C-alpha atoms as a PDB file:
ATOM      1  CA  MET A   1     143.782 146.910 169.531  1.00  0.00           C
ATOM      2  CA  GLY A   2     143.599 143.802 172.086  1.00  0.00           C
ATOM      3  CA  ILE A   3     139.897 144.515 172.942  1.00  0.00           C
ATOM      4  CA  LYS A   4     138.885 144.964 169.359  1.00  0.00           C
ATOM      5  CA  MET A   5     140.437 141.314 168.499  1.00  0.00           C
ATOM      6  CA  ILE A   6     138.743 140.059 171.550  1.00  0.00           C
ATOM      7  CA  ILE A   7     135.268 141.492 170.440  1.00  0.00           C
ATOM      8  CA  LEU A   8     135.879 140.155 166.750  1.00  0.00           C
ATOM      9  CA  GLY A   9     136.805 136.730 168.065  1.00  0.00           C
ATOM     10  CA  LEU A  10     133.519 136.586 170.308  1.00  0.00           C
ATOM     11  CA  ILE A  11     131.518 137.345 167.301  1.00  0.00           C
ATOM     12  CA  LEU A  12     133.195 135.115 164.849  1.00  0.00           C
ATOM     13  CA  LEU A  13     133.174 132.356 168.064  1.00  0.00           C
ATOM     14  CA  ILE A  14     129.174 132.853 168.360  1.00  0.00           C
ATOM     15  CA  ILE A  15     128.568 132.698 164.771  1.00  0.00           C
ATOM     16  CA  GLY A  16     130.578 129.657 164.035  1.00  0.00           C
ATOM     17  CA  LEU A  17     128.889 127.894 166.836  1.00  0.00           C
ATOM     18  CA  LEU A  18     125.341 128.972 165.624  1.00  0.00           C
ATOM     19  CA  VAL A  19     125.973 128.031 162.112  1.00  0.00           C
ATOM     20  CA  GLY A  20     128.095 125.001 162.822  1.00  0.00           C
ATOM     21  CA  MET A  21     131.294 126.174 160.978  1.00  0.00           C
ATOM     22  CA  GLY A  22     134.334 124.762 162.814  1.00  0.00           C
ATOM     23  CA  LEU A  23     136.711 127.330 161.011  1.00  0.00           C
ATOM     24  CA  LEU A  24     134.982 130.230 162.256  1.00  0.00           C
ATOM     25  CA  THR A  25     134.872 128.828 165.665  1.00  0.00           C
ATOM     26  CA  THR A  26     138.635 127.960 165.475  1.00  0.00           C
ATOM     27  CA  ILE A  27     139.512 131.593 164.070  1.00  0.00           C
ATOM     28  CA  GLY A  28     137.237 133.071 166.992  1.00  0.00           C
ATOM     29  CA  GLY A  29     139.153 131.136 169.648  1.00  0.00           C
ATOM     30  CA  ILE A  30     142.584 132.286 168.103  1.00  0.00           C
ATOM     31  CA  LEU A  31     141.548 135.873 167.850  1.00  0.00           C
ATOM     32  CA  ILE A  32     140.426 135.803 171.458  1.00  0.00           C
ATOM     33  CA  LEU A  33     143.503 134.286 172.988  1.00  0.00           C
ATOM     34  CA  VAL A  34     146.009 136.731 170.923  1.00  0.00           C
ATOM     35  CA  GLY A  35     143.737 139.685 171.642  1.00  0.00           C
ATOM     36  CA  ALA A  36     143.972 138.780 175.574  1.00  0.00           C
ATOM     37  CA  ILE A  37     147.644 138.395 175.287  1.00  0.00           C
ATOM     38  CA  LEU A  38     148.080 141.725 173.514  1.00  0.00           C
ATOM     39  CA  TRP A  39     145.732 143.366 175.968  1.00  0.00           C
ATOM     40  CA  ILE A  40     147.744 141.923 178.760  1.00  0.00           C
ATOM     41  CA  LEU A  41     150.986 143.011 177.569  1.00  0.00           C
ATOM     42  CA  GLY A  42     149.843 146.461 176.815  1.00  0.00           C
ATOM     43  CA  ALA A  43     148.542 146.976 180.300  1.00  0.00           C
ATOM     44  CA  THR A  44     151.617 145.722 181.773  1.00  0.00           C
ATOM     45  CA  GLY A  45     153.233 148.681 179.973  1.00  0.00           C
ATOM     46  CA  ARG A  46     155.570 146.598 177.849  1.00  0.00           C
ATOM     47  CA  ALA A  47     156.170 147.786 174.233  1.00  0.00           C
ATOM     48  CA  VAL A  48     154.240 145.853 171.840  1.00  0.00           C
ATOM     49  CA  GLY A  49     154.521 146.423 168.206  1.00  0.00           C
ATOM     50  CA  GLY A  50     156.904 149.310 168.688  1.00  0.00           C
ATOM     51  CA  ARG A  51     154.132 150.888 170.886  1.00  0.00           C
ATOM     52  CA  LYS A  52     154.156 151.549 174.765  1.00  0.00           C
ATOM     53  CA  HIS A  53     150.441 152.112 174.546  1.00  0.00           C
ATOM     54  CA  PHE A  54     147.703 150.332 172.922  1.00  0.00           C
ATOM     55  CA  PHE A  55     144.832 152.542 171.645  1.00  0.00           C
END
């Protein structure tokens, strides 16, 4: 789930920068940040969202 959020955030960030929409850029940045946090927590073995493994 973390990797998918990072990829979606990158896509939204790029589209937001190309089109000039600040809202898409902001949402993309937030998704990248949250996805990175979830990915790191999942990689350390911590249970995130009731799961020990993120797929």
